[in-house]
């Protein structure tokens, strides 16, 4: 099953937004952009799926920045946990 199939938007945690910017200089808009570009590879992150299912996505932004994005899905919203080059 595709975890993105029923998603309708994004949900951001202020701490994760700050962390992704401070550590990796990835803005929320860049992380979101990856989900709208091709190619996009999404896989289950079984190792880190303790309390909830986690996934990772490999893709690139519209301007070509390649990103690795870790996320979960909560109530049809993509919640980005980490994003980095």
C-alpha atoms as a PDB file:
ATOM      1  CA  UNK A   1       0.000   0.000   0.000  1.00  0.00           C
ATOM      2  CA  UNK A   2       1.227   3.473  -0.873  1.00  0.00           C
ATOM      3  CA  UNK A   3       1.434   5.558   2.338  1.00  0.00           C
ATOM      4  CA  UNK A   4       0.912   8.751   0.318  1.00  0.00           C
ATOM      5  CA  UNK A   5      -2.245   7.570  -1.448  1.00  0.00           C
ATOM      6  CA  UNK A   6      -4.750   9.294   0.859  1.00  0.00           C
ATOM      7  CA  UNK A   7      -2.608  12.192   2.054  1.00  0.00           C
ATOM      8  CA  UNK A   8      -4.119  15.642   1.753  1.00  0.00           C
ATOM      9  CA  UNK A   9      -1.360  17.915   3.027  1.00  0.00           C
ATOM     10  CA  UNK A  10       1.451  18.437   5.503  1.00  0.00           C
ATOM     11  CA  UNK A  11       1.728  18.835   9.265  1.00  0.00           C
ATOM     12  CA  UNK A  12       4.833  20.489  10.698  1.00  0.00           C
ATOM     13  CA  UNK A  13       6.224  20.366  14.211  1.00  0.00           C
ATOM     14  CA  UNK A  14       8.014  23.628  15.114  1.00  0.00           C
ATOM     15  CA  UNK A  15      10.945  21.748  16.677  1.00  0.00           C
ATOM     16  CA  UNK A  16      11.487  19.623  13.553  1.00  0.00           C
ATOM     17  CA  UNK A  17      11.192  22.660  11.310  1.00  0.00           C
ATOM     18  CA  UNK A  18      13.881  24.432  13.329  1.00  0.00           C
ATOM     19  CA  UNK A  19      16.097  21.319  13.534  1.00  0.00           C
ATOM     20  CA  UNK A  20      15.974  20.689   9.785  1.00  0.00           C
ATOM     21  CA  UNK A  21      16.919  24.280   9.064  1.00  0.00           C
ATOM     22  CA  UNK A  22      19.688  24.548  11.661  1.00  0.00           C
ATOM     23  CA  UNK A  23      21.320  21.189  10.912  1.00  0.00           C
ATOM     24  CA  UNK A  24      20.734  20.767   7.184  1.00  0.00           C
ATOM     25  CA  UNK A  25      19.495  24.125   5.806  1.00  0.00           C
ATOM     26  CA  UNK A  26      16.313  22.520   4.489  1.00  0.00           C
ATOM     27  CA  UNK A  27      13.211  24.722   4.610  1.00  0.00           C
ATOM     28  CA  UNK A  28       9.761  23.130   4.984  1.00  0.00           C
ATOM     29  CA  UNK A  29       8.816  24.202   1.456  1.00  0.00           C
ATOM     30  CA  UNK A  30      11.808  22.349   0.012  1.00  0.00           C
ATOM     31  CA  UNK A  31      10.974  19.146   1.899  1.00  0.00           C
ATOM     32  CA  UNK A  32       7.357  19.355   0.729  1.00  0.00           C
ATOM     33  CA  UNK A  33       8.404  20.007  -2.876  1.00  0.00           C
ATOM     34  CA  UNK A  34      10.095  16.594  -3.052  1.00  0.00           C
ATOM     35  CA  UNK A  35       6.687  14.879  -2.818  1.00  0.00           C
ATOM     36  CA  UNK A  36       5.473  16.635  -5.983  1.00  0.00           C
ATOM     37  CA  UNK A  37       8.447  15.801  -8.211  1.00  0.00           C
ATOM     38  CA  UNK A  38       9.470  12.730 -10.192  1.00  0.00           C
ATOM     39  CA  UNK A  39      11.159  10.435  -9.596  1.00  0.00           C
ATOM     40  CA  UNK A  40      10.173   9.837  -5.971  1.00  0.00           C
ATOM     41  CA  UNK A  41      11.175   6.678  -4.131  1.00  0.00           C
ATOM     42  CA  UNK A  42       9.258   5.911  -0.923  1.00  0.00           C
ATOM     43  CA  UNK A  43      10.091   2.996   1.360  1.00  0.00           C
ATOM     44  CA  UNK A  44       9.044   1.825   4.789  1.00  0.00           C
ATOM     45  CA  UNK A  45      11.556   2.501   7.577  1.00  0.00           C
ATOM     46  CA  UNK A  46      10.965  -0.693   9.577  1.00  0.00           C
ATOM     47  CA  UNK A  47      13.978  -0.129  11.814  1.00  0.00           C
ATOM     48  CA  UNK A  48      12.596   3.156  13.179  1.00  0.00           C
ATOM     49  CA  UNK A  49       8.878   2.281  13.155  1.00  0.00           C
ATOM     50  CA  UNK A  50       8.418   1.657  16.871  1.00  0.00           C
ATOM     51  CA  UNK A  51       5.418   3.748  17.960  1.00  0.00           C
ATOM     52  CA  UNK A  52       4.164   4.590  14.461  1.00  0.00           C
ATOM     53  CA  UNK A  53       4.954   3.662  10.874  1.00  0.00           C
ATOM     54  CA  UNK A  54       7.818   5.702   9.494  1.00  0.00           C
ATOM     55  CA  UNK A  55       8.913   6.062   5.917  1.00  0.00           C
ATOM     56  CA  UNK A  56      11.674   7.664   3.940  1.00  0.00           C
ATOM     57  CA  UNK A  57      11.551   9.362   0.579  1.00  0.00           C
ATOM     58  CA  UNK A  58      14.357   9.980  -1.871  1.00  0.00           C
ATOM     59  CA  UNK A  59      13.737  12.666  -4.419  1.00  0.00           C
ATOM     60  CA  UNK A  60      14.568  16.140  -5.552  1.00  0.00           C
ATOM     61  CA  UNK A  61      13.067  19.589  -5.420  1.00  0.00           C
ATOM     62  CA  UNK A  62      11.859  21.457  -8.467  1.00  0.00           C
ATOM     63  CA  UNK A  63      15.238  23.197  -8.680  1.00  0.00           C
ATOM     64  CA  UNK A  64      17.135  19.898  -8.485  1.00  0.00           C
ATOM     65  CA  UNK A  65      18.232  19.690  -4.850  1.00  0.00           C
ATOM     66  CA  UNK A  66      18.325  16.001  -3.899  1.00  0.00           C
ATOM     67  CA  UNK A  67      16.851  15.257  -0.487  1.00  0.00           C
ATOM     68  CA  UNK A  68      16.377  12.330   1.893  1.00  0.00           C
ATOM     69  CA  UNK A  69      13.152  12.909   3.832  1.00  0.00           C
ATOM     70  CA  UNK A  70      12.000  10.858   6.823  1.00  0.00           C
ATOM     71  CA  UNK A  71       8.279  11.156   7.534  1.00  0.00           C
ATOM     72  CA  UNK A  72       5.195   9.594   9.053  1.00  0.00           C
ATOM     73  CA  UNK A  73       1.529   9.953   8.147  1.00  0.00           C
ATOM     74  CA  UNK A  74      -0.900  11.243  10.765  1.00  0.00           C
ATOM     75  CA  UNK A  75      -4.582  11.696   9.971  1.00  0.00           C
ATOM     76  CA  UNK A  76      -3.933  11.953   6.198  1.00  0.00           C
ATOM     77  CA  UNK A  77      -1.138  14.497   6.709  1.00  0.00           C
ATOM     78  CA  UNK A  78       2.543  13.983   5.914  1.00  0.00           C
ATOM     79  CA  UNK A  79       4.572  14.888   8.980  1.00  0.00           C
ATOM     80  CA  UNK A  80       8.222  15.436   8.072  1.00  0.00           C
ATOM     81  CA  UNK A  81      10.602  14.326  10.800  1.00  0.00           C
ATOM     82  CA  UNK A  82      13.923  14.928   9.087  1.00  0.00           C
ATOM     83  CA  UNK A  83      15.145  16.265   5.747  1.00  0.00           C
ATOM     84  CA  UNK A  84      18.719  16.438   4.522  1.00  0.00           C
ATOM     85  CA  UNK A  85      20.866  16.343   1.408  1.00  0.00           C
END
